[in-house]
Amino acid sequence: LVLAGFRPLLKHSFRAKFTSALDIPVEFVEKNVKLRGKLHRVTEKGLEVEHIPISIPFITSIQRKWQSKGLLLVRLAGVELAPSGMAWLQRELKPEQMIWFQLLGREDLALDCLVLVNKGRFLSVCLNEELLRQGLGRTARIEGLHHDSRLYWKLHKRLLRAELKALKKNKGIWKEESYSERIRDCISNNKFVQTLKQFASWLRTCWALNASLKLHFRPLQSLWYVFTHEHFV
């Protein structure tokens, strides 16, 4: 019975090449199927990926003759990318690189996915987590999954843990000044404080001028005292 349930999925995954998000069966999204693809470019909207069906080697050449062309727009689910994150993706990912993307949701022509890339022969890295681990984005709601589902919170916790590591190490967007420095900057940028500083500076100028005038006119004051004391006392 279990195999019978997955038989339609296997049939699709072996034979069909998806060139649009709308071509992907609803069952694939609901069962969070993992697909393979070849990266073409990184854009502000997401990754443009060519779906590469998992096929039997000897019929691959036959498939290519009738497979249509088109790219899927894959978004990194649960991640709000910073500008530095976009630059990192463009630097780290190479055109024609093979990736795996696990379907979590679909919105119009975009797919919200967990994206995995191979690092070495036996190691794969989840880009969603790696971006947060490097401080190149913030966690966001995972679109496509029910907010109260077990999978949602399982993935959300993974992403939060990755973000927390960057926060503890002051990486990327979390590389900020110390708390005392932020308080000092906040105070120095306050308009009321700036007005007080200007008033204090004005007072210091007045005091300095007053002291200078006193020093200047002290001999005259002494002469005036002697003159008035001798003539009128």
C-alpha atoms as a PDB file:
ATOM      1  CA  LEU A   1       0.000   0.000   0.000  1.00  0.00           C
ATOM      2  CA  VAL A   2       2.843   2.382   0.827  1.00  0.00           C
ATOM      3  CA  LEU A   3       4.548   1.655  -2.492  1.00  0.00           C
ATOM      4  CA  ALA A   4       1.253   2.039  -4.321  1.00  0.00           C
ATOM      5  CA  GLY A   5       0.854   5.505  -2.833  1.00  0.00           C
ATOM      6  CA  PHE A   6       4.279   6.598  -4.039  1.00  0.00           C
ATOM      7  CA  ARG A   7       3.997   4.995  -7.485  1.00  0.00           C
ATOM      8  CA  PRO A   8       2.492   8.124  -9.156  1.00  0.00           C
ATOM      9  CA  LEU A   9       5.272  10.234  -7.645  1.00  0.00           C
ATOM     10  CA  LEU A  10       7.967   7.897  -8.907  1.00  0.00           C
ATOM     11  CA  LYS A  11       6.398   7.914 -12.350  1.00  0.00           C
ATOM     12  CA  HIS A  12       6.470  11.710 -12.493  1.00  0.00           C
ATOM     13  CA  SER A  13       9.983  12.053 -11.065  1.00  0.00           C
ATOM     14  CA  PHE A  14      11.461   9.625 -13.570  1.00  0.00           C
ATOM     15  CA  ARG A  15       9.769  10.910 -16.709  1.00  0.00           C
ATOM     16  CA  ALA A  16       8.721  14.531 -16.366  1.00  0.00           C
ATOM     17  CA  LYS A  17      10.885  17.593 -16.584  1.00  0.00           C
ATOM     18  CA  PHE A  18       9.227  20.508 -14.832  1.00  0.00           C
ATOM     19  CA  THR A  19       9.733  23.842 -16.568  1.00  0.00           C
ATOM     20  CA  SER A  20       7.266  25.815 -14.462  1.00  0.00           C
ATOM     21  CA  ALA A  21       6.200  25.693 -10.841  1.00  0.00           C
ATOM     22  CA  LEU A  22       2.649  25.119 -12.037  1.00  0.00           C
ATOM     23  CA  ASP A  23       3.711  21.875 -13.744  1.00  0.00           C
ATOM     24  CA  ILE A  24       4.649  20.274 -10.439  1.00  0.00           C
ATOM     25  CA  PRO A  25       1.858  18.054  -9.063  1.00  0.00           C
ATOM     26  CA  VAL A  26       0.204  19.163  -5.838  1.00  0.00           C
ATOM     27  CA  GLU A  27       1.170  15.797  -4.297  1.00  0.00           C
ATOM     28  CA  PHE A  28       4.842  16.647  -4.751  1.00  0.00           C
ATOM     29  CA  VAL A  29       4.465  19.831  -2.732  1.00  0.00           C
ATOM     30  CA  GLU A  30       2.304  18.211  -0.063  1.00  0.00           C
ATOM     31  CA  LYS A  31       4.763  15.347   0.402  1.00  0.00           C
ATOM     32  CA  ASN A  32       7.776  17.721   0.324  1.00  0.00           C
ATOM     33  CA  VAL A  33       9.459  15.833  -2.495  1.00  0.00           C
ATOM     34  CA  LYS A  34      13.124  16.554  -3.145  1.00  0.00           C
ATOM     35  CA  LEU A  35      14.061  17.409  -6.744  1.00  0.00           C
ATOM     36  CA  ARG A  36      17.366  17.770  -8.514  1.00  0.00           C
ATOM     37  CA  GLY A  37      18.329  20.737 -10.652  1.00  0.00           C
ATOM     38  CA  LYS A  38      21.075  22.675 -12.353  1.00  0.00           C
ATOM     39  CA  LEU A  39      21.634  26.260 -11.262  1.00  0.00           C
ATOM     40  CA  HIS A  40      21.578  28.899 -13.986  1.00  0.00           C
ATOM     41  CA  ARG A  41      21.730  32.175 -12.080  1.00  0.00           C
ATOM     42  CA  VAL A  42      21.153  33.886  -8.744  1.00  0.00           C
ATOM     43  CA  THR A  43      18.662  36.786  -8.853  1.00  0.00           C
ATOM     44  CA  GLU A  44      16.989  39.070  -6.325  1.00  0.00           C
ATOM     45  CA  LYS A  45      13.835  36.954  -6.617  1.00  0.00           C
ATOM     46  CA  GLY A  46      15.593  33.637  -6.028  1.00  0.00           C
ATOM     47  CA  LEU A  47      17.551  30.906  -7.777  1.00  0.00           C
ATOM     48  CA  GLU A  48      16.764  30.135 -11.398  1.00  0.00           C
ATOM     49  CA  VAL A  49      17.092  26.364 -11.685  1.00  0.00           C
ATOM     50  CA  GLU A  50      16.687  23.878 -14.506  1.00  0.00           C
ATOM     51  CA  HIS A  51      14.973  20.748 -13.263  1.00  0.00           C
ATOM     52  CA  ILE A  52      16.958  17.595 -14.030  1.00  0.00           C
ATOM     53  CA  PRO A  53      14.739  14.504 -13.717  1.00  0.00           C
ATOM     54  CA  ILE A  54      16.215  11.417 -12.121  1.00  0.00           C
ATOM     55  CA  SER A  55      16.187   9.075 -15.092  1.00  0.00           C
ATOM     56  CA  ILE A  56      17.563   5.769 -16.262  1.00  0.00           C
ATOM     57  CA  PRO A  57      20.913   6.425 -18.042  1.00  0.00           C
ATOM     58  CA  PHE A  58      20.213   4.654 -21.335  1.00  0.00           C
ATOM     59  CA  ILE A  59      16.990   6.589 -21.979  1.00  0.00           C
ATOM     60  CA  THR A  60      18.371  10.002 -20.930  1.00  0.00           C
ATOM     61  CA  SER A  61      19.411  10.929 -24.472  1.00  0.00           C
ATOM     62  CA  ILE A  62      15.958  10.002 -25.768  1.00  0.00           C
ATOM     63  CA  GLN A  63      14.298  12.114 -23.071  1.00  0.00           C
ATOM     64  CA  ARG A  64      16.302  15.213 -23.972  1.00  0.00           C
ATOM     65  CA  LYS A  65      14.846  15.241 -27.481  1.00  0.00           C
ATOM     66  CA  TRP A  66      11.305  15.854 -26.293  1.00  0.00           C
ATOM     67  CA  GLN A  67      11.856  17.612 -22.972  1.00  0.00           C
ATOM     68  CA  SER A  68      10.838  21.272 -23.042  1.00  0.00           C
ATOM     69  CA  LYS A  69      13.042  24.079 -21.798  1.00  0.00           C
ATOM     70  CA  GLY A  70      12.301  26.396 -18.904  1.00  0.00           C
ATOM     71  CA  LEU A  71      13.594  27.426 -15.488  1.00  0.00           C
ATOM     72  CA  LEU A  72      12.072  27.116 -12.042  1.00  0.00           C
ATOM     73  CA  LEU A  73      12.250  30.005  -9.580  1.00  0.00           C
ATOM     74  CA  VAL A  74      13.442  28.558  -6.266  1.00  0.00           C
ATOM     75  CA  ARG A  75      13.327  30.674  -3.109  1.00  0.00           C
ATOM     76  CA  LEU A  76      15.156  29.915   0.127  1.00  0.00           C
ATOM     77  CA  ALA A  77      12.344  29.147   2.555  1.00  0.00           C
ATOM     78  CA  GLY A  78      12.453  30.722   6.007  1.00  0.00           C
ATOM     79  CA  VAL A  79      15.239  33.173   5.169  1.00  0.00           C
ATOM     80  CA  GLU A  80      15.091  36.934   4.689  1.00  0.00           C
ATOM     81  CA  LEU A  81      18.278  37.623   2.772  1.00  0.00           C
ATOM     82  CA  ALA A  82      20.509  40.603   3.536  1.00  0.00           C
ATOM     83  CA  PRO A  83      22.295  42.311   0.589  1.00  0.00           C
ATOM     84  CA  SER A  84      25.484  40.603   1.733  1.00  0.00           C
ATOM     85  CA  GLY A  85      23.660  37.264   1.488  1.00  0.00           C
ATOM     86  CA  MET A  86      22.885  37.854  -2.167  1.00  0.00           C
ATOM     87  CA  ALA A  87      26.549  38.650  -2.851  1.00  0.00           C
ATOM     88  CA  TRP A  88      27.587  35.502  -0.958  1.00  0.00           C
ATOM     89  CA  LEU A  89      25.299  33.297  -3.047  1.00  0.00           C
ATOM     90  CA  GLN A  90      26.578  34.806  -6.291  1.00  0.00           C
ATOM     91  CA  ARG A  91      30.133  34.185  -5.146  1.00  0.00           C
ATOM     92  CA  GLU A  92      29.690  30.674  -3.755  1.00  0.00           C
ATOM     93  CA  LEU A  93      27.324  29.143  -6.303  1.00  0.00           C
ATOM     94  CA  LYS A  94      28.563  28.475  -9.804  1.00  0.00           C
ATOM     95  CA  PRO A  95      26.503  28.320 -13.018  1.00  0.00           C
ATOM     96  CA  GLU A  96      25.691  24.726 -14.033  1.00  0.00           C
ATOM     97  CA  GLN A  97      26.165  23.601 -10.412  1.00  0.00           C
ATOM     98  CA  MET A  98      23.914  20.727  -9.376  1.00  0.00           C
ATOM     99  CA  ILE A  99      21.655  21.324  -6.399  1.00  0.00           C
ATOM    100  CA  TRP A 100      18.794  19.583  -4.628  1.00  0.00           C
ATOM    101  CA  PHE A 101      15.679  21.474  -3.586  1.00  0.00           C
ATOM    102  CA  GLN A 102      13.038  20.106  -1.244  1.00  0.00           C
ATOM    103  CA  LEU A 103       9.569  21.440  -1.937  1.00  0.00           C
ATOM    104  CA  LEU A 104       7.868  23.124   1.004  1.00  0.00           C
ATOM    105  CA  GLY A 105       5.433  25.468  -0.685  1.00  0.00           C
ATOM    106  CA  ARG A 106       4.411  27.095  -3.925  1.00  0.00           C
ATOM    107  CA  GLU A 107       3.252  30.651  -4.549  1.00  0.00           C
ATOM    108  CA  ASP A 108       2.286  31.483  -8.135  1.00  0.00           C
ATOM    109  CA  LEU A 109       5.436  30.749 -10.163  1.00  0.00           C
ATOM    110  CA  ALA A 110       7.822  30.531  -7.196  1.00  0.00           C
ATOM    111  CA  LEU A 111       8.804  27.502  -5.126  1.00  0.00           C
ATOM    112  CA  ASP A 112       9.750  27.820  -1.454  1.00  0.00           C
ATOM    113  CA  CYS A 113      12.358  25.178  -0.723  1.00  0.00           C
ATOM    114  CA  LEU A 114      15.204  23.927   1.381  1.00  0.00           C
ATOM    115  CA  VAL A 115      18.201  24.039  -0.950  1.00  0.00           C
ATOM    116  CA  LEU A 116      21.117  21.638  -0.577  1.00  0.00           C
ATOM    117  CA  VAL A 117      24.487  21.662  -2.316  1.00  0.00           C
ATOM    118  CA  ASN A 118      27.168  19.011  -2.210  1.00  0.00           C
ATOM    119  CA  LYS A 119      30.384  19.849  -0.400  1.00  0.00           C
ATOM    120  CA  GLY A 120      32.740  17.013  -1.130  1.00  0.00           C
ATOM    121  CA  ARG A 121      31.748  13.452  -1.833  1.00  0.00           C
ATOM    122  CA  PHE A 122      29.724  12.649   1.254  1.00  0.00           C
ATOM    123  CA  LEU A 123      28.760  16.033   2.664  1.00  0.00           C
ATOM    124  CA  SER A 124      25.865  18.292   1.725  1.00  0.00           C
ATOM    125  CA  VAL A 125      25.098  21.756   3.076  1.00  0.00           C
ATOM    126  CA  CYS A 126      21.683  23.350   3.485  1.00  0.00           C
ATOM    127  CA  LEU A 127      21.983  26.864   2.060  1.00  0.00           C
ATOM    128  CA  ASN A 128      19.068  28.121   4.160  1.00  0.00           C
ATOM    129  CA  GLU A 129      20.922  27.259   7.364  1.00  0.00           C
ATOM    130  CA  GLU A 130      24.357  28.256   6.094  1.00  0.00           C
ATOM    131  CA  LEU A 131      23.229  31.783   5.209  1.00  0.00           C
ATOM    132  CA  LEU A 132      21.810  32.268   8.703  1.00  0.00           C
ATOM    133  CA  ARG A 133      24.901  30.676  10.273  1.00  0.00           C
ATOM    134  CA  GLN A 134      27.091  33.226   8.488  1.00  0.00           C
ATOM    135  CA  GLY A 135      24.870  36.132   9.572  1.00  0.00           C
ATOM    136  CA  LEU A 136      23.794  36.875   5.993  1.00  0.00           C
ATOM    137  CA  GLY A 137      20.064  36.996   6.686  1.00  0.00           C
ATOM    138  CA  ARG A 138      17.293  36.679   9.258  1.00  0.00           C
ATOM    139  CA  THR A 139      14.808  33.929   9.947  1.00  0.00           C
ATOM    140  CA  ALA A 140      11.389  34.457   8.420  1.00  0.00           C
ATOM    141  CA  ARG A 141       8.093  32.582   8.227  1.00  0.00           C
ATOM    142  CA  ILE A 142       8.339  29.395   6.180  1.00  0.00           C
ATOM    143  CA  GLU A 143       5.803  29.968   3.448  1.00  0.00           C
ATOM    144  CA  GLY A 144       3.799  27.006   2.259  1.00  0.00           C
ATOM    145  CA  LEU A 145       3.817  25.047   5.520  1.00  0.00           C
ATOM    146  CA  HIS A 146       1.018  25.168   8.051  1.00  0.00           C
ATOM    147  CA  HIS A 147       2.094  27.244  11.029  1.00  0.00           C
ATOM    148  CA  ASP A 148       0.970  24.584  13.506  1.00  0.00           C
ATOM    149  CA  SER A 149       2.475  21.609  11.685  1.00  0.00           C
ATOM    150  CA  ARG A 150       5.235  19.497  13.189  1.00  0.00           C
ATOM    151  CA  LEU A 151       7.464  19.958  10.126  1.00  0.00           C
ATOM    152  CA  TYR A 152       7.125  23.743  10.295  1.00  0.00           C
ATOM    153  CA  TRP A 153       8.439  23.949  13.840  1.00  0.00           C
ATOM    154  CA  LYS A 154      11.113  21.329  13.226  1.00  0.00           C
ATOM    155  CA  LEU A 155      12.556  23.377  10.345  1.00  0.00           C
ATOM    156  CA  HIS A 156      11.985  26.701  12.074  1.00  0.00           C
ATOM    157  CA  LYS A 157      13.995  25.532  15.107  1.00  0.00           C
ATOM    158  CA  ARG A 158      16.846  24.472  12.813  1.00  0.00           C
ATOM    159  CA  LEU A 159      16.903  27.892  11.206  1.00  0.00           C
ATOM    160  CA  LEU A 160      16.701  29.688  14.555  1.00  0.00           C
ATOM    161  CA  ARG A 161      19.645  27.660  15.890  1.00  0.00           C
ATOM    162  CA  ALA A 162      21.693  28.640  12.842  1.00  0.00           C
ATOM    163  CA  GLU A 163      20.780  32.305  13.323  1.00  0.00           C
ATOM    164  CA  LEU A 164      21.665  32.138  17.026  1.00  0.00           C
ATOM    165  CA  LYS A 165      25.174  30.889  16.197  1.00  0.00           C
ATOM    166  CA  ALA A 166      25.776  33.965  14.030  1.00  0.00           C
ATOM    167  CA  LEU A 167      24.350  36.214  16.734  1.00  0.00           C
ATOM    168  CA  LYS A 168      26.635  34.751  19.432  1.00  0.00           C
ATOM    169  CA  LYS A 169      29.706  35.099  17.210  1.00  0.00           C
ATOM    170  CA  ASN A 170      28.761  38.600  15.971  1.00  0.00           C
ATOM    171  CA  LYS A 171      28.862  37.459  12.355  1.00  0.00           C
ATOM    172  CA  GLY A 172      27.564  39.301   9.314  1.00  0.00           C
ATOM    173  CA  ILE A 173      24.622  41.557  10.102  1.00  0.00           C
ATOM    174  CA  TRP A 174      25.096  40.818  13.810  1.00  0.00           C
ATOM    175  CA  LYS A 175      28.614  42.229  13.808  1.00  0.00           C
ATOM    176  CA  GLU A 176      27.693  45.346  15.761  1.00  0.00           C
ATOM    177  CA  GLU A 177      29.238  47.586  18.357  1.00  0.00           C
ATOM    178  CA  SER A 178      29.121  46.677  22.020  1.00  0.00           C
ATOM    179  CA  TYR A 179      26.043  47.520  24.053  1.00  0.00           C
ATOM    180  CA  SER A 180      27.753  50.468  25.808  1.00  0.00           C
ATOM    181  CA  GLU A 181      28.883  51.857  22.442  1.00  0.00           C
ATOM    182  CA  ARG A 182      25.352  51.600  21.040  1.00  0.00           C
ATOM    183  CA  ILE A 183      23.987  53.451  24.096  1.00  0.00           C
ATOM    184  CA  ARG A 184      26.649  56.128  23.715  1.00  0.00           C
ATOM    185  CA  ASP A 185      25.861  56.576  20.027  1.00  0.00           C
ATOM    186  CA  CYS A 186      22.152  56.702  20.764  1.00  0.00           C
ATOM    187  CA  ILE A 187      22.693  59.460  23.340  1.00  0.00           C
ATOM    188  CA  SER A 188      25.046  61.421  21.113  1.00  0.00           C
ATOM    189  CA  ASN A 189      22.537  61.321  18.260  1.00  0.00           C
ATOM    190  CA  ASN A 190      19.649  62.520  20.447  1.00  0.00           C
ATOM    191  CA  LYS A 191      18.489  66.032  19.419  1.00  0.00           C
ATOM    192  CA  PHE A 192      17.804  67.131  22.995  1.00  0.00           C
ATOM    193  CA  VAL A 193      21.285  66.053  24.079  1.00  0.00           C
ATOM    194  CA  GLN A 194      22.805  67.870  21.109  1.00  0.00           C
ATOM    195  CA  THR A 195      20.948  71.060  22.145  1.00  0.00           C
ATOM    196  CA  LEU A 196      22.278  70.714  25.703  1.00  0.00           C
ATOM    197  CA  LYS A 197      25.799  70.302  24.360  1.00  0.00           C
ATOM    198  CA  GLN A 198      25.438  73.475  22.280  1.00  0.00           C
ATOM    199  CA  PHE A 199      24.122  75.376  25.332  1.00  0.00           C
ATOM    200  CA  ALA A 200      27.022  74.103  27.476  1.00  0.00           C
ATOM    201  CA  SER A 201      29.485  75.169  24.790  1.00  0.00           C
ATOM    202  CA  TRP A 202      27.880  78.631  24.709  1.00  0.00           C
ATOM    203  CA  LEU A 203      28.138  78.890  28.515  1.00  0.00           C
ATOM    204  CA  ARG A 204      31.822  77.929  28.425  1.00  0.00           C
ATOM    205  CA  THR A 205      32.441  80.657  25.829  1.00  0.00           C
ATOM    206  CA  CYS A 206      30.637  83.223  27.987  1.00  0.00           C
ATOM    207  CA  TRP A 207      32.578  82.232  31.087  1.00  0.00           C
ATOM    208  CA  ALA A 208      35.858  82.427  29.215  1.00  0.00           C
ATOM    209  CA  LEU A 209      34.965  85.847  27.824  1.00  0.00           C
ATOM    210  CA  ASN A 210      33.856  87.075  31.228  1.00  0.00           C
ATOM    211  CA  ALA A 211      37.102  85.853  32.833  1.00  0.00           C
ATOM    212  CA  SER A 212      39.095  87.579  30.100  1.00  0.00           C
ATOM    213  CA  LEU A 213      37.253  90.873  30.613  1.00  0.00           C
ATOM    214  CA  LYS A 214      37.793  90.705  34.372  1.00  0.00           C
ATOM    215  CA  LEU A 215      41.497  90.137  33.878  1.00  0.00           C
ATOM    216  CA  HIS A 216      41.643  92.980  31.358  1.00  0.00           C
ATOM    217  CA  PHE A 217      39.872  95.564  33.484  1.00  0.00           C
ATOM    218  CA  ARG A 218      41.251  94.610  36.895  1.00  0.00           C
ATOM    219  CA  PRO A 219      43.976  97.375  36.829  1.00  0.00           C
ATOM    220  CA  LEU A 220      41.375  99.997  35.913  1.00  0.00           C
ATOM    221  CA  GLN A 221      39.147  98.775  38.734  1.00  0.00           C
ATOM    222  CA  SER A 222      42.057  99.154  41.166  1.00  0.00           C
ATOM    223  CA  LEU A 223      42.784 102.723  39.975  1.00  0.00           C
ATOM    224  CA  TRP A 224      39.121 103.642  40.245  1.00  0.00           C
ATOM    225  CA  TYR A 225      39.030 102.320  43.809  1.00  0.00           C
ATOM    226  CA  VAL A 226      42.107 104.332  44.814  1.00  0.00           C
ATOM    227  CA  PHE A 227      40.787 107.473  43.139  1.00  0.00           C
ATOM    228  CA  THR A 228      37.369 107.295  44.774  1.00  0.00           C
ATOM    229  CA  HIS A 229      38.817 106.314  48.173  1.00  0.00           C
ATOM    230  CA  GLU A 230      41.268 109.230  48.290  1.00  0.00           C
ATOM    231  CA  HIS A 231      38.893 111.915  47.044  1.00  0.00           C
ATOM    232  CA  PHE A 232      35.598 110.984  48.576  1.00  0.00           C
ATOM    233  CA  VAL A 233      36.362 109.134  51.771  1.00  0.00           C
END
